[in-house]
C-alpha atoms as a PDB file:
ATOM      1  CA  MET A   1     -42.778  74.911-171.646  1.00  0.00           C
ATOM      2  CA  ARG A   2     -41.099  77.795-173.507  1.00  0.00           C
ATOM      3  CA  LEU A   3     -42.380  81.318-173.768  1.00  0.00           C
ATOM      4  CA  ILE A   4     -42.932  82.234-177.409  1.00  0.00           C
ATOM      5  CA  ARG A   5     -42.646  85.920-178.271  1.00  0.00           C
ATOM      6  CA  ASN A   6     -45.861  87.539-179.412  1.00  0.00           C
ATOM      7  CA  GLN A   7     -46.287  87.711-183.180  1.00  0.00           C
ATOM      8  CA  VAL A   8     -45.754  91.195-184.538  1.00  0.00           C
ATOM      9  CA  SER A   9     -49.009  92.288-186.105  1.00  0.00           C
ATOM     10  CA  SER A  10     -47.287  94.087-188.973  1.00  0.00           C
ATOM     11  CA  GLY A  11     -47.887  91.141-191.295  1.00  0.00           C
ATOM     12  CA  MET A  12     -44.126  90.747-191.621  1.00  0.00           C
ATOM     13  CA  SER A  13     -43.914  87.674-189.375  1.00  0.00           C
ATOM     14  CA  ASP A  14     -42.729  85.439-192.225  1.00  0.00           C
ATOM     15  CA  THR A  15     -40.082  87.901-193.407  1.00  0.00           C
ATOM     16  CA  ILE A  16     -36.459  87.692-192.266  1.00  0.00           C
ATOM     17  CA  GLU A  17     -35.640  90.475-189.820  1.00  0.00           C
ATOM     18  CA  ASN A  18     -33.756  90.769-186.541  1.00  0.00           C
ATOM     19  CA  GLU A  19     -34.677  88.230-183.844  1.00  0.00           C
ATOM     20  CA  LYS A  20     -36.378  85.887-186.335  1.00  0.00           C
ATOM     21  CA  PHE A  21     -35.451  82.207-186.265  1.00  0.00           C
ATOM     22  CA  VAL A  22     -34.311  81.252-189.774  1.00  0.00           C
ATOM     23  CA  GLU A  23     -33.379  77.896-191.292  1.00  0.00           C
ATOM     24  CA  VAL A  24     -31.497  77.717-194.578  1.00  0.00           C
ATOM     25  CA  ASN A  25     -29.966  75.067-196.762  1.00  0.00           C
ATOM     26  CA  TYR A  26     -26.902  76.055-198.716  1.00  0.00           C
ATOM     27  CA  LYS A  27     -24.623  74.891-201.466  1.00  0.00           C
ATOM     28  CA  VAL A  28     -21.208  76.095-202.579  1.00  0.00           C
ATOM     29  CA  ILE A  29     -21.073  76.115-206.376  1.00  0.00           C
ATOM     30  CA  ASP A  30     -18.096  76.341-208.732  1.00  0.00           C
ATOM     31  CA  LYS A  31     -19.162  79.177-211.042  1.00  0.00           C
ATOM     32  CA  LYS A  32     -16.912  77.993-213.879  1.00  0.00           C
ATOM     33  CA  THR A  33     -18.181  74.386-214.032  1.00  0.00           C
ATOM     34  CA  GLY A  34     -21.546  74.655-212.245  1.00  0.00           C
ATOM     35  CA  ASP A  35     -20.488  71.750-209.992  1.00  0.00           C
ATOM     36  CA  VAL A  36     -21.823  71.652-206.434  1.00  0.00           C
ATOM     37  CA  LEU A  37     -18.685  71.544-204.256  1.00  0.00           C
ATOM     38  CA  VAL A  38     -20.350  71.550-200.826  1.00  0.00           C
ATOM     39  CA  THR A  39     -23.884  70.896-199.683  1.00  0.00           C
ATOM     40  CA  VAL A  40     -25.432  70.422-196.257  1.00  0.00           C
ATOM     41  CA  ASP A  41     -27.447  67.398-195.236  1.00  0.00           C
ATOM     42  CA  TYR A  42     -29.331  69.296-192.531  1.00  0.00           C
ATOM     43  CA  PRO A  43     -30.739  72.826-192.344  1.00  0.00           C
ATOM     44  CA  LEU A  44     -28.634  75.516-190.705  1.00  0.00           C
ATOM     45  CA  GLY A  45     -30.691  77.350-188.071  1.00  0.00           C
ATOM     46  CA  TYR A  46     -29.844  80.702-186.530  1.00  0.00           C
ATOM     47  CA  VAL A  47     -31.455  83.829-185.086  1.00  0.00           C
ATOM     48  CA  HIS A  48     -31.143  86.695-187.578  1.00  0.00           C
ATOM     49  CA  GLY A  49     -29.284  89.743-186.255  1.00  0.00           C
ATOM     50  CA  VAL A  50     -28.215  87.892-183.101  1.00  0.00           C
ATOM     51  CA  ASN A  51     -25.894  85.139-184.347  1.00  0.00           C
ATOM     52  CA  ASP A  52     -22.970  86.081-186.583  1.00  0.00           C
ATOM     53  CA  ILE A  53     -22.755  82.566-188.068  1.00  0.00           C
ATOM     54  CA  LEU A  54     -23.268  84.107-191.507  1.00  0.00           C
ATOM     55  CA  SER A  55     -21.033  86.828-192.865  1.00  0.00           C
ATOM     56  CA  GLU A  56     -22.420  90.352-192.718  1.00  0.00           C
ATOM     57  CA  GLN A  57     -22.706  90.312-196.531  1.00  0.00           C
ATOM     58  CA  VAL A  58     -24.848  87.138-196.484  1.00  0.00           C
ATOM     59  CA  ALA A  59     -27.008  88.350-193.572  1.00  0.00           C
ATOM     60  CA  LYS A  60     -27.744  91.629-195.416  1.00  0.00           C
ATOM     61  CA  GLU A  61     -28.774  89.679-198.521  1.00  0.00           C
ATOM     62  CA  LEU A  62     -31.211  87.618-196.416  1.00  0.00           C
ATOM     63  CA  ASP A  63     -32.909  90.673-194.869  1.00  0.00           C
ATOM     64  CA  GLY A  64     -36.533  90.812-196.016  1.00  0.00           C
ATOM     65  CA  LYS A  65     -36.478  87.368-197.664  1.00  0.00           C
ATOM     66  CA  LYS A  66     -39.187  84.734-197.025  1.00  0.00           C
ATOM     67  CA  ALA A  67     -39.377  80.939-196.904  1.00  0.00           C
ATOM     68  CA  GLY A  68     -38.855  79.579-200.420  1.00  0.00           C
ATOM     69  CA  ASP A  69     -36.590  82.450-201.522  1.00  0.00           C
ATOM     70  CA  ILE A  70     -33.168  81.530-202.953  1.00  0.00           C
ATOM     71  CA  ILE A  71     -30.219  83.895-203.049  1.00  0.00           C
ATOM     72  CA  GLU A  72     -26.848  83.411-204.698  1.00  0.00           C
ATOM     73  CA  ILE A  73     -23.816  85.364-203.520  1.00  0.00           C
ATOM     74  CA  PRO A  74     -20.364  85.320-205.126  1.00  0.00           C
ATOM     75  CA  ILE A  75     -17.605  84.495-202.621  1.00  0.00           C
ATOM     76  CA  ASP A  76     -14.091  85.906-202.899  1.00  0.00           C
ATOM     77  CA  THR A  77     -11.944  82.905-201.947  1.00  0.00           C
ATOM     78  CA  LYS A  78      -8.868  85.159-201.822  1.00  0.00           C
ATOM     79  CA  LEU A  79     -10.418  86.980-198.850  1.00  0.00           C
ATOM     80  CA  LEU A  80     -11.354  83.702-197.141  1.00  0.00           C
ATOM     81  CA  TYR A  81      -8.245  81.615-197.827  1.00  0.00           C
ATOM     82  CA  GLY A  82      -5.650  83.924-199.360  1.00  0.00           C
ATOM     83  CA  GLU A  83      -3.859  83.335-202.643  1.00  0.00           C
ATOM     84  CA  ARG A  84      -3.263  79.775-203.761  1.00  0.00           C
ATOM     85  CA  ASP A  85       0.222  78.690-202.604  1.00  0.00           C
ATOM     86  CA  GLU A  86       1.849  76.208-204.987  1.00  0.00           C
ATOM     87  CA  SER A  87       4.595  75.547-202.412  1.00  0.00           C
ATOM     88  CA  LEU A  88       1.925  73.612-200.454  1.00  0.00           C
ATOM     89  CA  VAL A  89       1.604  71.057-203.263  1.00  0.00           C
ATOM     90  CA  PHE A  90       3.924  68.048-202.954  1.00  0.00           C
ATOM     91  CA  THR A  91       4.435  64.954-205.074  1.00  0.00           C
ATOM     92  CA  ASP A  92       6.246  61.951-203.648  1.00  0.00           C
ATOM     93  CA  HIS A  93       7.115  58.459-204.880  1.00  0.00           C
ATOM     94  CA  ILE A  94       4.209  56.120-204.152  1.00  0.00           C
ATOM     95  CA  ASP A  95       6.487  53.711-202.224  1.00  0.00           C
ATOM     96  CA  ASN A  96       7.071  56.449-199.607  1.00  0.00           C
ATOM     97  CA  VAL A  97       3.342  56.719-198.891  1.00  0.00           C
ATOM     98  CA  PRO A  98       1.553  54.197-196.648  1.00  0.00           C
ATOM     99  CA  GLU A  99      -1.172  52.209-198.432  1.00  0.00           C
ATOM    100  CA  GLU A 100      -3.999  53.696-196.324  1.00  0.00           C
ATOM    101  CA  TYR A 101      -3.275  57.208-197.692  1.00  0.00           C
ATOM    102  CA  ARG A 102      -3.531  56.213-201.348  1.00  0.00           C
ATOM    103  CA  GLU A 103      -7.041  57.554-201.855  1.00  0.00           C
ATOM    104  CA  ILE A 104      -8.205  60.772-203.545  1.00  0.00           C
ATOM    105  CA  GLY A 105      -9.690  63.136-200.941  1.00  0.00           C
ATOM    106  CA  MET A 106      -7.870  61.491-198.011  1.00  0.00           C
ATOM    107  CA  THR A 107      -6.659  64.024-195.455  1.00  0.00           C
ATOM    108  CA  ILE A 108      -3.104  63.641-194.177  1.00  0.00           C
ATOM    109  CA  THR A 109      -1.896  65.718-191.227  1.00  0.00           C
ATOM    110  CA  MET A 110       1.787  66.617-191.353  1.00  0.00           C
ATOM    111  CA  GLU A 111       4.068  68.411-188.909  1.00  0.00           C
ATOM    112  CA  ASN A 112       6.712  70.942-189.940  1.00  0.00           C
ATOM    113  CA  ASP A 113      10.077  71.468-188.233  1.00  0.00           C
ATOM    114  CA  LYS A 114       8.471  74.009-185.842  1.00  0.00           C
ATOM    115  CA  GLY A 115       5.947  71.402-184.644  1.00  0.00           C
ATOM    116  CA  GLU A 116       3.020  73.092-186.431  1.00  0.00           C
ATOM    117  CA  LEU A 117       0.359  70.782-187.860  1.00  0.00           C
ATOM    118  CA  LYS A 118      -1.024  71.258-191.379  1.00  0.00           C
ATOM    119  CA  LYS A 119      -3.635  69.237-193.234  1.00  0.00           C
ATOM    120  CA  PHE A 120      -3.008  68.102-196.786  1.00  0.00           C
ATOM    121  CA  ILE A 121      -5.478  66.443-199.135  1.00  0.00           C
ATOM    122  CA  VAL A 122      -4.523  63.710-201.594  1.00  0.00           C
ATOM    123  CA  THR A 123      -5.389  65.180-204.989  1.00  0.00           C
ATOM    124  CA  ARG A 124      -3.780  62.680-207.369  1.00  0.00           C
ATOM    125  CA  PHE A 125      -1.979  59.371-207.442  1.00  0.00           C
ATOM    126  CA  ASP A 126      -0.954  56.676-209.868  1.00  0.00           C
ATOM    127  CA  ASP A 127       1.316  53.630-209.685  1.00  0.00           C
ATOM    128  CA  LYS A 128       4.448  55.827-209.378  1.00  0.00           C
ATOM    129  CA  THR A 129       3.555  59.027-207.476  1.00  0.00           C
ATOM    130  CA  LEU A 130       1.111  60.599-205.022  1.00  0.00           C
ATOM    131  CA  THR A 131       0.317  64.334-204.838  1.00  0.00           C
ATOM    132  CA  VAL A 132      -1.019  66.200-201.790  1.00  0.00           C
ATOM    133  CA  ASP A 133      -2.229  69.818-201.561  1.00  0.00           C
ATOM    134  CA  GLY A 134      -2.190  71.930-198.388  1.00  0.00           C
ATOM    135  CA  ASN A 135      -4.358  74.698-199.866  1.00  0.00           C
ATOM    136  CA  ASN A 136      -8.031  74.812-198.918  1.00  0.00           C
ATOM    137  CA  PRO A 137      -9.907  72.946-201.693  1.00  0.00           C
ATOM    138  CA  LEU A 138     -11.888  76.112-202.493  1.00  0.00           C
ATOM    139  CA  CYS A 139      -8.744  78.261-202.744  1.00  0.00           C
ATOM    140  CA  GLY A 140      -8.344  79.806-206.181  1.00  0.00           C
ATOM    141  CA  ARG A 141     -11.826  78.804-207.339  1.00  0.00           C
ATOM    142  CA  ASP A 142     -14.567  81.137-208.532  1.00  0.00           C
ATOM    143  CA  ILE A 143     -17.445  80.115-206.268  1.00  0.00           C
ATOM    144  CA  SER A 144     -20.866  81.273-205.195  1.00  0.00           C
ATOM    145  CA  PHE A 145     -22.902  80.529-202.134  1.00  0.00           C
ATOM    146  CA  ARG A 146     -26.547  79.545-202.852  1.00  0.00           C
ATOM    147  CA  LEU A 147     -28.903  79.718-199.885  1.00  0.00           C
ATOM    148  CA  GLU A 148     -32.508  78.548-199.823  1.00  0.00           C
ATOM    149  CA  VAL A 149     -34.677  79.941-197.033  1.00  0.00           C
ATOM    150  CA  LEU A 150     -36.627  77.030-195.524  1.00  0.00           C
ATOM    151  CA  THR A 151     -38.185  78.507-192.378  1.00  0.00           C
ATOM    152  CA  VAL A 152     -38.809  81.977-190.964  1.00  0.00           C
ATOM    153  CA  ARG A 153     -40.626  82.294-187.645  1.00  0.00           C
ATOM    154  CA  GLU A 154     -40.584  84.175-184.386  1.00  0.00           C
ATOM    155  CA  ALA A 155     -37.637  83.040-182.254  1.00  0.00           C
ATOM    156  CA  THR A 156     -38.181  81.931-178.673  1.00  0.00           C
ATOM    157  CA  ASP A 157     -36.466  83.844-175.886  1.00  0.00           C
ATOM    158  CA  GLU A 158     -34.115  80.893-175.414  1.00  0.00           C
ATOM    159  CA  GLU A 159     -33.211  80.826-179.137  1.00  0.00           C
ATOM    160  CA  ILE A 160     -32.529  84.580-179.058  1.00  0.00           C
ATOM    161  CA  GLU A 161     -30.296  84.112-176.024  1.00  0.00           C
ATOM    162  CA  LEU A 162     -28.398  81.274-177.737  1.00  0.00           C
ATOM    163  CA  GLY A 163     -28.416  82.846-181.210  1.00  0.00           C
ATOM    164  CA  GLY A 164     -29.810  79.681-182.751  1.00  0.00           C
ATOM    165  CA  PRO A 165     -31.583  76.403-182.168  1.00  0.00           C
ATOM    166  CA  VAL A 166     -31.521  75.026-178.643  1.00  0.00           C
ATOM    167  CA  GLY A 167     -28.867  72.295-178.335  1.00  0.00           C
ATOM    168  CA  ALA A 168     -26.945  73.210-181.483  1.00  0.00           C
ATOM    169  CA  ASP A 169     -23.716  75.086-182.077  1.00  0.00           C
ATOM    170  CA  PRO A 170     -23.345  75.521-185.850  1.00  0.00           C
ATOM    171  CA  ASP A 171     -20.189  77.062-187.216  1.00  0.00           C
ATOM    172  CA  LEU A 172     -20.367  77.911-190.899  1.00  0.00           C
ATOM    173  CA  ASN A 173     -16.691  78.847-191.121  1.00  0.00           C
ATOM    174  CA  GLU A 174     -15.818  75.348-189.913  1.00  0.00           C
ATOM    175  CA  ILE A 175     -18.162  73.850-192.506  1.00  0.00           C
ATOM    176  CA  LEU A 176     -16.637  75.941-195.295  1.00  0.00           C
ATOM    177  CA  SER A 177     -13.117  75.048-194.202  1.00  0.00           C
ATOM    178  CA  ARG A 178     -13.926  71.340-194.552  1.00  0.00           C
ATOM    179  CA  ALA A 179     -15.238  71.775-198.100  1.00  0.00           C
ATOM    180  CA  LYS A 180     -14.020  69.195-200.542  1.00  0.00           C
END
């Protein structure tokens, strides 16, 4: 049995503030095309003001919001991923590429002469060539982050200690870095 913190009688119990357990769904949207680039299949839960899973900018935007609210925040991909680097885009003759890598979106890990590993994504191929890109797929795009608040409630002592749901270890930066 877990000890639940007493509800604050200010009437603000369903409003996002520090030490509230919050669940959100989010999407990453290409502002130019309107396409959804990333979406989550499960809600992201965290304790507001305790867990730094969300950037400070996003957390500030969520302050005072309630379940059902939707916020949209522009994201500067240059700050997250740096400038797009065209030297990380390679095209090779299709015969030099194993059959199993001939698929758009396939990730190929390569090693440079210093032994450093880098992931590249297959972005294009035809019967003669295959192109891979080592830039993050969101690099150079004009994107926004749309969050929908699903749940706001008092956090348990254990959730406050952990900064999120018991038995979970979400990492939004990891999720964003895997965006396709």
